[in-house]
N, C-alpha and C. Protein backbone atom coordinates (compact mmCIF):
# COMPACT_ATOMS: atom_id res chain seq x y z
N MET A 1 57.09 161.73 80.78
CA MET A 1 57.89 160.69 80.75
C MET A 1 56.53 159.59 81.24
N SER A 2 57.07 158.53 80.55
CA SER A 2 56.36 157.09 80.68
C SER A 2 56.79 156.43 81.45
N ALA A 3 55.88 155.22 81.89
CA ALA A 3 56.40 154.56 83.16
C ALA A 3 57.80 153.75 82.32
N PRO A 4 59.10 152.99 82.72
CA PRO A 4 60.42 153.05 82.18
C PRO A 4 60.25 151.73 82.01
N THR A 5 60.67 151.55 80.78
CA THR A 5 60.58 149.98 79.96
C THR A 5 61.21 149.10 80.79
N ALA A 6 61.30 147.78 80.31
CA ALA A 6 62.05 146.49 80.80
C ALA A 6 63.28 146.67 80.88
N ALA A 7 63.49 147.20 79.69
CA ALA A 7 64.90 147.13 79.10
C ALA A 7 65.17 148.66 80.09
N GLN A 8 64.79 149.84 80.18
CA GLN A 8 65.75 150.70 81.13
C GLN A 8 65.58 150.04 82.32
N ILE A 9 64.95 149.81 82.85
CA ILE A 9 64.90 149.04 84.25
C ILE A 9 66.27 147.74 84.40
N THR A 10 66.28 147.15 83.39
CA THR A 10 67.57 146.50 83.03
C THR A 10 69.11 147.30 83.04
N THR A 11 68.81 148.07 82.03
CA THR A 11 70.16 148.66 82.27
C THR A 11 70.77 149.57 83.35
N LEU A 12 69.35 150.02 84.04
CA LEU A 12 69.59 150.41 85.24
C LEU A 12 70.70 149.77 86.54
N TYR A 13 70.02 148.45 86.52
CA TYR A 13 70.71 147.81 86.92
C TYR A 13 71.55 147.40 86.82
N GLN A 14 72.33 147.46 85.56
CA GLN A 14 73.45 147.13 85.02
C GLN A 14 74.72 147.88 85.56
N SER A 15 73.75 149.03 85.52
CA SER A 15 74.75 150.31 85.73
C SER A 15 75.09 150.62 87.14
N THR A 16 73.72 150.46 87.98
CA THR A 16 74.32 150.55 89.42
C THR A 16 75.04 149.33 90.01
N LEU A 17 75.02 148.11 89.49
CA LEU A 17 75.89 147.38 89.99
C LEU A 17 77.15 147.12 89.64
N LYS A 18 77.46 147.54 88.42
CA LYS A 18 78.67 148.10 87.95
C LYS A 18 79.45 149.11 88.60
N ALA A 19 78.46 150.22 89.13
CA ALA A 19 78.92 151.63 89.89
C ALA A 19 79.14 150.76 91.55
N SER A 20 78.66 149.86 92.04
CA SER A 20 78.70 149.27 93.23
C SER A 20 80.36 148.54 93.24
N LYS A 21 80.00 147.90 92.07
CA LYS A 21 81.51 146.96 92.27
C LYS A 21 82.91 147.84 92.24
N GLN A 22 82.69 149.17 91.75
CA GLN A 22 84.09 149.90 91.58
C GLN A 22 84.41 150.24 93.29
N PHE A 23 83.55 150.41 94.14
CA PHE A 23 84.41 150.80 95.46
C PHE A 23 85.07 150.02 95.67
N ALA A 24 86.21 150.77 96.44
CA ALA A 24 87.94 149.86 96.43
C ALA A 24 87.62 149.31 97.78
N SER A 25 86.50 149.90 98.85
CA SER A 25 86.30 149.21 100.34
C SER A 25 85.63 147.84 100.23
N TYR A 26 86.15 146.70 101.12
CA TYR A 26 85.56 145.65 100.89
C TYR A 26 84.06 145.54 101.40
N ASN A 27 83.74 146.32 102.62
CA ASN A 27 82.54 146.57 102.83
C ASN A 27 81.21 147.53 102.47
N PHE A 28 81.78 148.34 101.65
CA PHE A 28 81.07 148.85 100.97
C PHE A 28 81.20 148.73 99.62
N ARG A 29 81.97 148.05 99.40
CA ARG A 29 81.60 147.23 98.19
C ARG A 29 80.51 146.58 98.38
N ASN A 30 80.33 145.46 98.81
CA ASN A 30 79.47 144.64 99.61
C ASN A 30 78.29 144.57 99.73
N TYR A 31 78.29 146.20 100.33
CA TYR A 31 77.11 146.79 101.10
C TYR A 31 76.34 146.95 99.77
N PHE A 32 77.00 147.77 98.68
CA PHE A 32 76.13 148.75 98.15
C PHE A 32 75.50 147.66 96.73
N VAL A 33 76.51 146.31 96.68
CA VAL A 33 75.49 144.94 95.92
C VAL A 33 74.63 144.56 95.88
N LEU A 34 74.83 144.06 97.61
CA LEU A 34 73.59 143.38 98.61
C LEU A 34 72.33 144.52 97.91
N ARG A 35 72.61 145.75 98.37
CA ARG A 35 71.54 147.05 98.38
C ARG A 35 71.05 147.21 96.88
N THR A 36 71.54 146.72 96.21
CA THR A 36 71.19 147.00 94.17
C THR A 36 70.58 146.07 94.28
N GLU A 37 70.92 144.63 94.49
CA GLU A 37 70.59 143.29 94.26
C GLU A 37 69.06 143.50 95.22
N SER A 38 69.03 143.87 95.82
CA SER A 38 67.56 144.19 97.15
C SER A 38 66.47 144.92 96.37
N HIS A 39 67.16 146.25 95.97
CA HIS A 39 66.32 147.33 95.25
C HIS A 39 65.45 146.49 94.06
N PHE A 40 66.45 145.39 92.96
CA PHE A 40 65.88 145.87 91.83
C PHE A 40 64.94 144.19 92.09
N LYS A 41 65.35 143.39 93.29
CA LYS A 41 65.12 142.02 93.02
C LYS A 41 63.57 141.91 92.39
N ALA A 42 62.31 143.02 93.30
CA ALA A 42 60.64 143.14 93.23
C ALA A 42 60.44 144.55 92.83
N PRO A 43 60.86 145.18 91.36
CA PRO A 43 60.39 146.87 91.25
C PRO A 43 59.07 146.54 91.11
N PRO A 44 58.86 147.42 91.75
CA PRO A 44 57.22 147.66 91.57
C PRO A 44 56.66 147.38 90.24
N SER A 45 54.96 146.75 90.00
CA SER A 45 54.87 145.85 89.05
C SER A 45 54.91 146.83 87.68
N PRO A 46 53.86 148.03 87.58
CA PRO A 46 54.46 148.74 86.56
C PRO A 46 55.65 149.67 87.57
N ALA A 47 56.60 149.85 86.94
CA ALA A 47 57.63 150.36 87.84
C ALA A 47 57.08 151.79 87.52
N THR A 48 57.21 152.87 88.72
CA THR A 48 56.65 154.31 88.55
C THR A 48 57.62 155.10 88.35
N ILE A 49 57.77 156.01 88.00
CA ILE A 49 58.45 157.06 87.36
C ILE A 49 58.90 156.96 88.50
N SER A 50 58.53 157.43 89.81
CA SER A 50 59.23 158.07 90.83
C SER A 50 60.36 157.02 91.41
N TRP A 51 60.15 155.62 91.15
CA TRP A 51 60.71 154.84 91.72
C TRP A 51 62.16 155.01 90.50
N TYR A 52 61.83 154.58 89.43
CA TYR A 52 62.65 155.17 88.69
C TYR A 52 63.92 156.10 89.01
N ASN A 53 63.37 157.39 88.77
CA ASN A 53 63.73 158.70 89.12
C ASN A 53 64.62 158.51 90.46
N THR A 54 64.18 157.93 91.25
CA THR A 54 65.13 157.31 92.69
C THR A 54 65.83 157.06 92.49
N ARG A 55 66.51 155.87 91.64
CA ARG A 55 67.19 155.01 91.41
C ARG A 55 68.31 155.53 90.38
N VAL A 56 67.73 156.79 89.28
CA VAL A 56 68.85 157.33 88.71
C VAL A 56 69.64 158.14 89.68
N ARG A 57 68.83 159.01 90.67
CA ARG A 57 69.52 159.66 91.20
C ARG A 57 70.43 159.01 92.55
N GLU A 58 70.44 158.17 92.91
CA GLU A 58 71.18 156.99 93.60
C GLU A 58 72.32 156.37 92.93
N LEU A 59 71.94 156.26 91.48
CA LEU A 59 73.13 156.03 90.68
C LEU A 59 74.52 156.68 90.42
N GLU A 60 73.92 158.36 90.42
CA GLU A 60 74.24 159.28 90.22
C GLU A 60 75.62 159.27 91.96
N VAL A 61 74.67 159.27 92.68
CA VAL A 61 75.26 159.45 93.56
C VAL A 61 76.41 157.99 94.42
N LEU A 62 75.69 157.31 93.44
CA LEU A 62 76.77 155.96 93.62
C LEU A 62 78.01 155.90 92.79
N ARG A 63 78.08 156.08 92.10
CA ARG A 63 79.04 156.87 91.13
C ARG A 63 80.34 157.75 91.77
N ARG A 64 79.31 158.71 92.04
CA ARG A 64 80.64 159.67 92.73
C ARG A 64 81.48 158.79 93.88
N SER A 65 80.41 158.51 94.49
CA SER A 65 81.22 158.22 95.82
C SER A 65 82.17 157.03 96.05
N ALA A 66 82.16 156.48 94.78
CA ALA A 66 82.80 155.00 94.34
C ALA A 66 83.91 155.99 94.28
N ILE A 67 84.17 157.31 93.11
CA ILE A 67 85.32 157.78 92.55
C ILE A 67 85.78 158.13 94.04
N ILE A 68 85.41 159.04 95.02
CA ILE A 68 85.99 159.40 96.36
C ILE A 68 86.19 158.51 97.04
N ASN A 69 86.01 157.33 97.42
CA ASN A 69 86.11 155.83 98.00
C ASN A 69 87.68 155.77 97.42
N ARG A 70 87.93 155.14 95.93
CA ARG A 70 89.35 155.04 95.10
C ARG A 70 89.86 155.75 95.59
N LEU A 71 89.99 157.43 96.04
CA LEU A 71 90.47 158.16 96.00
C LEU A 71 91.50 158.13 97.41
N TYR A 72 90.88 158.15 97.85
CA TYR A 72 90.91 157.54 99.70
C TYR A 72 90.91 156.32 100.13
N GLU A 73 91.90 155.44 99.47
CA GLU A 73 91.87 153.23 99.31
C GLU A 73 92.74 153.21 100.53
N GLY A 74 92.31 152.39 101.44
CA GLY A 74 92.75 152.27 102.68
C GLY A 74 93.93 150.72 102.26
N PRO A 75 94.32 150.12 102.90
CA PRO A 75 95.18 148.90 103.10
C PRO A 75 94.09 148.12 102.68
N ARG A 76 94.19 147.15 101.94
CA ARG A 76 93.18 145.91 101.75
C ARG A 76 92.78 145.09 102.52
N LEU A 77 91.78 144.24 102.81
CA LEU A 77 91.56 143.41 104.09
C LEU A 77 91.91 142.23 104.02
N VAL A 78 91.81 141.39 105.18
CA VAL A 78 92.94 139.80 104.94
C VAL A 78 91.46 139.00 103.82
N VAL A 79 90.22 139.22 103.96
CA VAL A 79 89.39 138.25 103.39
C VAL A 79 89.54 138.49 101.71
N GLU A 80 90.10 140.04 101.45
CA GLU A 80 90.15 140.55 99.84
C GLU A 80 91.16 139.70 99.47
N ALA A 81 92.62 139.78 100.02
CA ALA A 81 93.53 139.09 99.78
C ALA A 81 93.51 137.91 99.19
N GLY A 82 93.27 136.65 100.15
CA GLY A 82 92.98 135.39 99.71
C GLY A 82 94.34 134.77 100.00
N VAL A 83 94.90 135.69 100.85
CA VAL A 83 96.28 134.71 101.27
C VAL A 83 96.30 134.72 102.59
N GLU A 84 96.86 133.46 103.07
CA GLU A 84 96.76 133.18 104.74
C GLU A 84 98.08 134.70 105.03
N VAL A 85 97.36 134.77 106.34
CA VAL A 85 98.24 135.92 107.28
C VAL A 85 98.73 135.26 108.18
N SER A 86 99.85 135.46 107.89
CA SER A 86 101.19 135.28 109.16
C SER A 86 100.94 136.12 110.36
N THR A 87 101.58 135.14 111.53
CA THR A 87 101.35 135.63 112.66
C THR A 87 102.69 136.44 113.06
N ARG A 88 102.66 137.09 113.46
CA ARG A 88 103.94 138.14 113.86
C ARG A 88 104.74 137.62 115.36
N SER A 89 106.19 138.05 116.04
CA SER A 89 106.35 137.19 116.52
C SER A 89 106.93 138.18 117.78
N TYR A 90 106.18 138.88 118.72
CA TYR A 90 106.57 139.46 119.41
C TYR A 90 107.51 139.22 120.72
N SER A 91 108.69 139.88 120.99
CA SER A 91 109.61 139.91 122.04
C SER A 91 109.21 140.53 123.28
N ILE A 92 108.10 141.06 123.65
CA ILE A 92 107.89 141.58 125.05
C ILE A 92 107.35 140.83 125.37
N SER A 93 107.62 140.44 126.86
CA SER A 93 107.28 139.56 127.77
C SER A 93 106.19 140.43 128.48
N ASP A 94 105.23 139.60 129.05
CA ASP A 94 104.09 139.67 129.57
C ASP A 94 104.76 139.80 131.08
N PRO A 95 104.82 140.81 132.12
CA PRO A 95 104.78 140.45 133.50
C PRO A 95 103.74 139.19 134.14
N GLN A 96 102.40 139.31 133.76
CA GLN A 96 101.49 138.20 134.03
C GLN A 96 102.03 136.86 134.08
N ARG A 97 102.89 136.68 132.52
CA ARG A 97 102.19 135.32 132.24
C ARG A 97 103.46 135.39 131.77
N GLY A 98 105.10 135.69 132.08
CA GLY A 98 106.48 135.57 132.27
C GLY A 98 106.67 135.57 130.74
N SER A 99 107.68 135.49 130.47
CA SER A 99 108.52 135.41 128.51
C SER A 99 108.02 134.88 127.99
N ASP A 100 107.78 135.42 127.14
CA ASP A 100 107.27 134.52 125.76
C ASP A 100 108.34 133.88 125.30
N PRO A 101 107.37 132.35 124.83
CA PRO A 101 108.29 131.46 124.34
C PRO A 101 109.54 131.86 122.58
């Protein structure tokens, strides 16, 4: 196989970015998007075959990982919802502080 073309690298970048955005978990999703951008920010001048093959293997793993992450999705984080969090009113009094208002 010859060195990958610019079009192949662009397609691989777009596919990897798409797979990164499919994570249900906010932290995983942001981590993999940033990691993808850093890997493709400055690919080797003539992109080597080994660099390209490594990214293709990582894409396959990323796709499988995103599927597993969506299968075991937890509750959404506050930063994802975009709504304010209301505070709960507890009626348990603290013996050191006295009673709650």
